[in-house]
């Protein structure tokens, strides 16, 4: 599921006509075991693609939002 959450916002930002096969692998080396590292991975993937020189109309931002007791947290 995390791969899909990362792929969906990134894929449309590659310029039209870019046909090279591109793969982004996110590897988390360490985290605090309390918070999920998926948001950080999405931001890191966007930064890596932006810095790579690949024609990309990014970067993106990501945040985790929850809904509890009728309010966003």
PDB file of N, CA and C in Angstrom:
ATOM      1  N   UNK A   1       0.812  -1.184   0.000  1.00  0.00           N
ATOM      2  CA  UNK A   1       0.000   0.000   0.000  1.00  0.00           C
ATOM      3  C   UNK A   1       0.864   1.259   0.000  1.00  0.00           C
ATOM      4  N   UNK A   2       1.987   1.251   0.703  1.00  0.00           N
ATOM      5  CA  UNK A   2       2.858   2.422   0.754  1.00  0.00           C
ATOM      6  C   UNK A   2       3.420   2.722  -0.629  1.00  0.00           C
ATOM      7  N   UNK A   3       3.734   1.690  -1.380  1.00  0.00           N
ATOM      8  CA  UNK A   3       4.247   1.910  -2.739  1.00  0.00           C
ATOM      9  C   UNK A   3       3.211   2.650  -3.583  1.00  0.00           C
ATOM     10  N   UNK A   4       1.966   2.284  -3.448  1.00  0.00           N
ATOM     11  CA  UNK A   4       0.899   2.961  -4.200  1.00  0.00           C
ATOM     12  C   UNK A   4       0.745   4.408  -3.741  1.00  0.00           C
ATOM     13  N   UNK A   5       0.825   4.656  -2.432  1.00  0.00           N
ATOM     14  CA  UNK A   5       0.723   6.020  -1.916  1.00  0.00           C
ATOM     15  C   UNK A   5       1.875   6.900  -2.415  1.00  0.00           C
ATOM     16  N   UNK A   6       3.009   6.290  -2.651  1.00  0.00           N
ATOM     17  CA  UNK A   6       4.156   7.030  -3.169  1.00  0.00           C
ATOM     18  C   UNK A   6       4.043   7.219  -4.677  1.00  0.00           C
ATOM     19  N   UNK A   7       3.623   6.194  -5.378  1.00  0.00           N
ATOM     20  CA  UNK A   7       3.568   6.223  -6.837  1.00  0.00           C
ATOM     21  C   UNK A   7       2.509   7.184  -7.376  1.00  0.00           C
ATOM     22  N   UNK A   8       1.343   7.196  -6.768  1.00  0.00           N
ATOM     23  CA  UNK A   8       0.218   7.990  -7.294  1.00  0.00           C
ATOM     24  C   UNK A   8       0.517   9.482  -7.436  1.00  0.00           C
ATOM     25  N   UNK A   9       1.111  10.148  -6.455  1.00  0.00           N
ATOM     26  CA  UNK A   9       1.396  11.570  -6.667  1.00  0.00           C
ATOM     27  C   UNK A   9       2.627  11.836  -7.529  1.00  0.00           C
ATOM     28  N   UNK A  10       3.565  10.881  -7.598  1.00  0.00           N
ATOM     29  CA  UNK A  10       4.794  11.104  -8.361  1.00  0.00           C
ATOM     30  C   UNK A  10       4.620  10.866  -9.858  1.00  0.00           C
ATOM     31  N   UNK A  11       3.931   9.822 -10.234  1.00  0.00           N
ATOM     32  CA  UNK A  11       3.838   9.415 -11.641  1.00  0.00           C
ATOM     33  C   UNK A  11       3.354  10.528 -12.576  1.00  0.00           C
ATOM     34  N   UNK A  12       2.306  11.273 -12.245  1.00  0.00           N
ATOM     35  CA  UNK A  12       1.848  12.313 -13.188  1.00  0.00           C
ATOM     36  C   UNK A  12       2.816  13.481 -13.348  1.00  0.00           C
ATOM     37  N   UNK A  13       3.817  13.589 -12.479  1.00  0.00           N
ATOM     38  CA  UNK A  13       4.733  14.722 -12.536  1.00  0.00           C
ATOM     39  C   UNK A  13       5.923  14.500 -13.470  1.00  0.00           C
ATOM     40  N   UNK A  14       6.057  13.290 -14.013  1.00  0.00           N
ATOM     41  CA  UNK A  14       7.080  13.077 -15.043  1.00  0.00           C
ATOM     42  C   UNK A  14       6.583  13.756 -16.314  1.00  0.00           C
ATOM     43  N   UNK A  15       7.487  14.425 -17.029  1.00  0.00           N
ATOM     44  CA  UNK A  15       7.067  15.174 -18.216  1.00  0.00           C
ATOM     45  C   UNK A  15       6.528  14.228 -19.290  1.00  0.00           C
ATOM     46  N   UNK A  16       5.613  14.746 -20.103  1.00  0.00           N
ATOM     47  CA  UNK A  16       5.049  13.956 -21.197  1.00  0.00           C
ATOM     48  C   UNK A  16       6.172  13.543 -22.136  1.00  0.00           C
ATOM     49  N   UNK A  17       6.123  12.307 -22.577  1.00  0.00           N
ATOM     50  CA  UNK A  17       7.128  11.809 -23.496  1.00  0.00           C
ATOM     51  C   UNK A  17       8.307  11.141 -22.806  1.00  0.00           C
ATOM     52  N   UNK A  18       8.388  11.207 -21.476  1.00  0.00           N
ATOM     53  CA  UNK A  18       9.467  10.529 -20.749  1.00  0.00           C
ATOM     54  C   UNK A  18       9.142   9.045 -20.705  1.00  0.00           C
ATOM     55  N   UNK A  19       9.903   8.242 -21.438  1.00  0.00           N
ATOM     56  CA  UNK A  19       9.597   6.814 -21.583  1.00  0.00           C
ATOM     57  C   UNK A  19      10.618   5.906 -20.910  1.00  0.00           C
ATOM     58  N   UNK A  20      11.654   6.473 -20.293  1.00  0.00           N
ATOM     59  CA  UNK A  20      12.669   5.644 -19.655  1.00  0.00           C
ATOM     60  C   UNK A  20      12.092   4.941 -18.426  1.00  0.00           C
ATOM     61  N   UNK A  21      12.421   3.685 -18.284  1.00  0.00           N
ATOM     62  CA  UNK A  21      11.962   2.945 -17.108  1.00  0.00           C
ATOM     63  C   UNK A  21      12.676   3.490 -15.880  1.00  0.00           C
ATOM     64  N   UNK A  22      11.902   3.881 -14.889  1.00  0.00           N
ATOM     65  CA  UNK A  22      12.450   4.493 -13.679  1.00  0.00           C
ATOM     66  C   UNK A  22      11.888   3.768 -12.467  1.00  0.00           C
ATOM     67  N   UNK A  23      12.766   3.445 -11.548  1.00  0.00           N
ATOM     68  CA  UNK A  23      12.345   2.737 -10.345  1.00  0.00           C
ATOM     69  C   UNK A  23      12.887   3.474  -9.125  1.00  0.00           C
ATOM     70  N   UNK A  24      12.026   3.694  -8.148  1.00  0.00           N
ATOM     71  CA  UNK A  24      12.433   4.318  -6.891  1.00  0.00           C
ATOM     72  C   UNK A  24      12.234   3.287  -5.796  1.00  0.00           C
ATOM     73  N   UNK A  25      13.287   3.016  -5.061  1.00  0.00           N
ATOM     74  CA  UNK A  25      13.216   2.056  -3.954  1.00  0.00           C
ATOM     75  C   UNK A  25      13.447   2.828  -2.663  1.00  0.00           C
ATOM     76  N   UNK A  26      12.479   2.765  -1.771  1.00  0.00           N
ATOM     77  CA  UNK A  26      12.581   3.457  -0.488  1.00  0.00           C
ATOM     78  C   UNK A  26      12.967   2.432   0.566  1.00  0.00           C
ATOM     79  N   UNK A  27      14.097   2.659   1.226  1.00  0.00           N
ATOM     80  CA  UNK A  27      14.567   1.763   2.266  1.00  0.00           C
ATOM     81  C   UNK A  27      14.738   2.558   3.550  1.00  0.00           C
ATOM     82  N   UNK A  28      13.988   2.218   4.548  1.00  0.00           N
ATOM     83  CA  UNK A  28      14.093   2.893   5.846  1.00  0.00           C
ATOM     84  C   UNK A  28      15.133   2.152   6.672  1.00  0.00           C
ATOM     85  N   UNK A  29      16.157   2.867   7.089  1.00  0.00           N
ATOM     86  CA  UNK A  29      17.224   2.245   7.866  1.00  0.00           C
ATOM     87  C   UNK A  29      16.943   2.274   9.365  1.00  0.00           C
ATOM     88  N   UNK A  30      16.217   3.293   9.807  1.00  0.00           N
ATOM     89  CA  UNK A  30      15.931   3.398  11.234  1.00  0.00           C
ATOM     90  C   UNK A  30      14.749   4.342  11.438  1.00  0.00           C
ATOM     91  N   UNK A  31      13.888   4.039  12.374  1.00  0.00           N
ATOM     92  CA  UNK A  31      12.845   4.968  12.787  1.00  0.00           C
ATOM     93  C   UNK A  31      12.482   4.694  14.231  1.00  0.00           C
ATOM     94  N   UNK A  32      11.659   5.548  14.813  1.00  0.00           N
ATOM     95  CA  UNK A  32      11.426   5.511  16.260  1.00  0.00           C
ATOM     96  C   UNK A  32      10.437   4.443  16.724  1.00  0.00           C
ATOM     97  N   UNK A  33       9.937   3.608  15.835  1.00  0.00           N
ATOM     98  CA  UNK A  33       9.001   2.525  16.153  1.00  0.00           C
ATOM     99  C   UNK A  33       7.663   3.025  16.698  1.00  0.00           C
ATOM    100  N   UNK A  34       7.457   4.326  16.710  1.00  0.00           N
ATOM    101  CA  UNK A  34       6.180   4.890  17.139  1.00  0.00           C
ATOM    102  C   UNK A  34       5.432   5.487  15.952  1.00  0.00           C
ATOM    103  N   UNK A  35       6.153   6.136  15.054  1.00  0.00           N
ATOM    104  CA  UNK A  35       5.573   6.787  13.887  1.00  0.00           C
ATOM    105  C   UNK A  35       5.916   5.989  12.632  1.00  0.00           C
ATOM    106  N   UNK A  36       4.966   5.910  11.723  1.00  0.00           N
ATOM    107  CA  UNK A  36       5.204   5.219  10.461  1.00  0.00           C
ATOM    108  C   UNK A  36       6.149   6.046   9.587  1.00  0.00           C
ATOM    109  N   UNK A  37       7.088   5.418   8.901  1.00  0.00           N
ATOM    110  CA  UNK A  37       8.061   6.158   8.091  1.00  0.00           C
ATOM    111  C   UNK A  37       7.594   6.442   6.665  1.00  0.00           C
ATOM    112  N   UNK A  38       6.340   6.174   6.330  1.00  0.00           N
ATOM    113  CA  UNK A  38       5.887   6.301   4.947  1.00  0.00           C
ATOM    114  C   UNK A  38       5.905   7.733   4.435  1.00  0.00           C
ATOM    115  N   UNK A  39       5.516   8.697   5.256  1.00  0.00           N
ATOM    116  CA  UNK A  39       5.500  10.093   4.826  1.00  0.00           C
ATOM    117  C   UNK A  39       6.924  10.571   4.544  1.00  0.00           C
ATOM    118  N   UNK A  40       7.842  10.241   5.417  1.00  0.00           N
ATOM    119  CA  UNK A  40       9.241  10.604   5.204  1.00  0.00           C
ATOM    120  C   UNK A  40       9.784   9.952   3.932  1.00  0.00           C
ATOM    121  N   UNK A  41       9.385   8.702   3.674  1.00  0.00           N
ATOM    122  CA  UNK A  41       9.812   8.011   2.459  1.00  0.00           C
ATOM    123  C   UNK A  41       9.298   8.693   1.197  1.00  0.00           C
ATOM    124  N   UNK A  42       8.053   9.159   1.232  1.00  0.00           N
ATOM    125  CA  UNK A  42       7.494   9.856   0.073  1.00  0.00           C
ATOM    126  C   UNK A  42       8.247  11.152  -0.206  1.00  0.00           C
ATOM    127  N   UNK A  43       8.552  11.899   0.828  1.00  0.00           N
ATOM    128  CA  UNK A  43       9.282  13.153   0.658  1.00  0.00           C
ATOM    129  C   UNK A  43      10.695  12.873   0.153  1.00  0.00           C
ATOM    130  N   UNK A  44      11.326  11.836   0.684  1.00  0.00           N
ATOM    131  CA  UNK A  44      12.677  11.477   0.244  1.00  0.00           C
ATOM    132  C   UNK A  44      12.690  11.026  -1.216  1.00  0.00           C
ATOM    133  N   UNK A  45      11.685  10.258  -1.627  1.00  0.00           N
ATOM    134  CA  UNK A  45      11.605   9.820  -3.027  1.00  0.00           C
ATOM    135  C   UNK A  45      11.447  11.013  -3.952  1.00  0.00           C
ATOM    136  N   UNK A  46      10.604  11.952  -3.583  1.00  0.00           N
ATOM    137  CA  UNK A  46      10.405  13.157  -4.379  1.00  0.00           C
ATOM    138  C   UNK A  46      11.697  13.962  -4.473  1.00  0.00           C
ATOM    139  N   UNK A  47      12.401  14.107  -3.361  1.00  0.00           N
ATOM    140  CA  UNK A  47      13.659  14.853  -3.358  1.00  0.00           C
ATOM    141  C   UNK A  47      14.700  14.161  -4.236  1.00  0.00           C
ATOM    142  N   UNK A  48      14.768  12.837  -4.156  1.00  0.00           N
ATOM    143  CA  UNK A  48      15.746  12.097  -4.959  1.00  0.00           C
ATOM    144  C   UNK A  48      15.481  12.263  -6.450  1.00  0.00           C
ATOM    145  N   UNK A  49      14.229  12.169  -6.852  1.00  0.00           N
ATOM    146  CA  UNK A  49      13.897  12.329  -8.272  1.00  0.00           C
ATOM    147  C   UNK A  49      14.173  13.762  -8.720  1.00  0.00           C
ATOM    148  N   UNK A  50      13.835  14.736  -7.891  1.00  0.00           N
ATOM    149  CA  UNK A  50      14.059  16.140  -8.228  1.00  0.00           C
ATOM    150  C   UNK A  50      15.538  16.424  -8.430  1.00  0.00           C
ATOM    151  N   UNK A  51      16.378  15.876  -7.575  1.00  0.00           N
ATOM    152  CA  UNK A  51      17.821  16.111  -7.653  1.00  0.00           C
ATOM    153  C   UNK A  51      18.519  15.287  -8.727  1.00  0.00           C
ATOM    154  N   UNK A  52      17.853  14.266  -9.247  1.00  0.00           N
ATOM    155  CA  UNK A  52      18.500  13.336 -10.175  1.00  0.00           C
ATOM    156  C   UNK A  52      18.733  13.890 -11.573  1.00  0.00           C
ATOM    157  N   UNK A  53      18.024  14.928 -11.945  1.00  0.00           N
ATOM    158  CA  UNK A  53      18.152  15.450 -13.301  1.00  0.00           C
ATOM    159  C   UNK A  53      17.137  14.860 -14.264  1.00  0.00           C
ATOM    160  N   UNK A  54      16.321  13.926 -13.794  1.00  0.00           N
ATOM    161  CA  UNK A  54      15.238  13.371 -14.605  1.00  0.00           C
ATOM    162  C   UNK A  54      14.211  14.474 -14.829  1.00  0.00           C
ATOM    163  N   UNK A  55      13.627  14.574 -16.039  1.00  0.00           N
ATOM    164  CA  UNK A  55      12.614  15.609 -16.262  1.00  0.00           C
ATOM    165  C   UNK A  55      11.369  15.357 -15.402  1.00  0.00           C
ATOM    166  N   UNK A  56      11.234  16.126 -14.354  1.00  0.00           N
ATOM    167  CA  UNK A  56      10.221  15.900 -13.328  1.00  0.00           C
ATOM    168  C   UNK A  56       9.699  17.253 -12.865  1.00  0.00           C
ATOM    169  N   UNK A  57       8.397  17.409 -12.805  1.00  0.00           N
ATOM    170  CA  UNK A  57       7.773  18.673 -12.404  1.00  0.00           C
ATOM    171  C   UNK A  57       7.397  18.642 -10.931  1.00  0.00           C
ATOM    172  N   UNK A  58       8.341  18.328 -10.080  1.00  0.00           N
ATOM    173  CA  UNK A  58       8.102  18.201  -8.658  1.00  0.00           C
ATOM    174  C   UNK A  58       8.848  19.277  -7.925  1.00  0.00           C
ATOM    175  N   UNK A  59       9.045  19.159  -6.683  1.00  0.00           N
ATOM    176  CA  UNK A  59       8.793  18.051  -5.767  1.00  0.00           C
ATOM    177  C   UNK A  59       7.374  18.065  -5.204  1.00  0.00           C
ATOM    178  N   UNK A  60       7.073  17.045  -4.391  1.00  0.00           N
ATOM    179  CA  UNK A  60       5.783  16.947  -3.722  1.00  0.00           C
ATOM    180  C   UNK A  60       6.003  17.092  -2.212  1.00  0.00           C
ATOM    181  N   UNK A  61       4.926  17.274  -1.495  1.00  0.00           N
ATOM    182  CA  UNK A  61       4.947  17.278  -0.035  1.00  0.00           C
ATOM    183  C   UNK A  61       3.987  16.196   0.438  1.00  0.00           C
ATOM    184  N   UNK A  62       4.152  15.738   1.645  1.00  0.00           N
ATOM    185  CA  UNK A  62       3.270  14.701   2.189  1.00  0.00           C
ATOM    186  C   UNK A  62       3.033  14.973   3.670  1.00  0.00           C
ATOM    187  N   UNK A  63       1.885  14.570   4.159  1.00  0.00           N
ATOM    188  CA  UNK A  63       1.550  14.712   5.574  1.00  0.00           C
ATOM    189  C   UNK A  63       0.553  13.631   5.956  1.00  0.00           C
ATOM    190  N   UNK A  64       0.576  13.217   7.186  1.00  0.00           N
ATOM    191  CA  UNK A  64      -0.402  12.250   7.691  1.00  0.00           C
ATOM    192  C   UNK A  64      -1.480  13.027   8.429  1.00  0.00           C
ATOM    193  N   UNK A  65      -2.726  12.789   8.049  1.00  0.00           N
ATOM    194  CA  UNK A  65      -3.858  13.479   8.654  1.00  0.00           C
ATOM    195  C   UNK A  65      -4.834  12.433   9.166  1.00  0.00           C
ATOM    196  N   UNK A  66      -5.313  12.631  10.372  1.00  0.00           N
ATOM    197  CA  UNK A  66      -6.300  11.727  10.947  1.00  0.00           C
ATOM    198  C   UNK A  66      -7.598  12.459  11.238  1.00  0.00           C
ATOM    199  N   UNK A  67      -8.676  11.698  11.399  1.00  0.00           N
ATOM    200  CA  UNK A  67      -9.977  12.275  11.705  1.00  0.00           C
ATOM    201  C   UNK A  67     -10.494  11.592  12.961  1.00  0.00           C
ATOM    202  N   UNK A  68     -10.641  12.354  14.041  1.00  0.00           N
ATOM    203  CA  UNK A  68     -11.031  11.767  15.308  1.00  0.00           C
ATOM    204  C   UNK A  68     -12.029  12.700  16.001  1.00  0.00           C
ATOM    205  N   UNK A  69     -13.122  12.149  16.438  1.00  0.00           N
ATOM    206  CA  UNK A  69     -14.161  12.902  17.142  1.00  0.00           C
ATOM    207  C   UNK A  69     -14.635  14.120  16.340  1.00  0.00           C
ATOM    208  N   UNK A  70     -14.771  13.946  15.020  1.00  0.00           N
ATOM    209  CA  UNK A  70     -15.278  15.006  14.167  1.00  0.00           C
ATOM    210  C   UNK A  70     -14.290  16.100  13.827  1.00  0.00           C
ATOM    211  N   UNK A  71     -13.023  15.902  14.163  1.00  0.00           N
ATOM    212  CA  UNK A  71     -11.999  16.908  13.891  1.00  0.00           C
ATOM    213  C   UNK A  71     -10.780  16.263  13.246  1.00  0.00           C
ATOM    214  N   UNK A  72     -10.113  17.037  12.396  1.00  0.00           N
ATOM    215  CA  UNK A  72      -8.874  16.570  11.800  1.00  0.00           C
ATOM    216  C   UNK A  72      -7.745  16.774  12.800  1.00  0.00           C
ATOM    217  N   UNK A  73      -6.895  15.769  12.920  1.00  0.00           N
ATOM    218  CA  UNK A  73      -5.751  15.854  13.833  1.00  0.00           C
ATOM    219  C   UNK A  73      -4.471  15.509  13.100  1.00  0.00           C
TER     220      UNK A  73
END
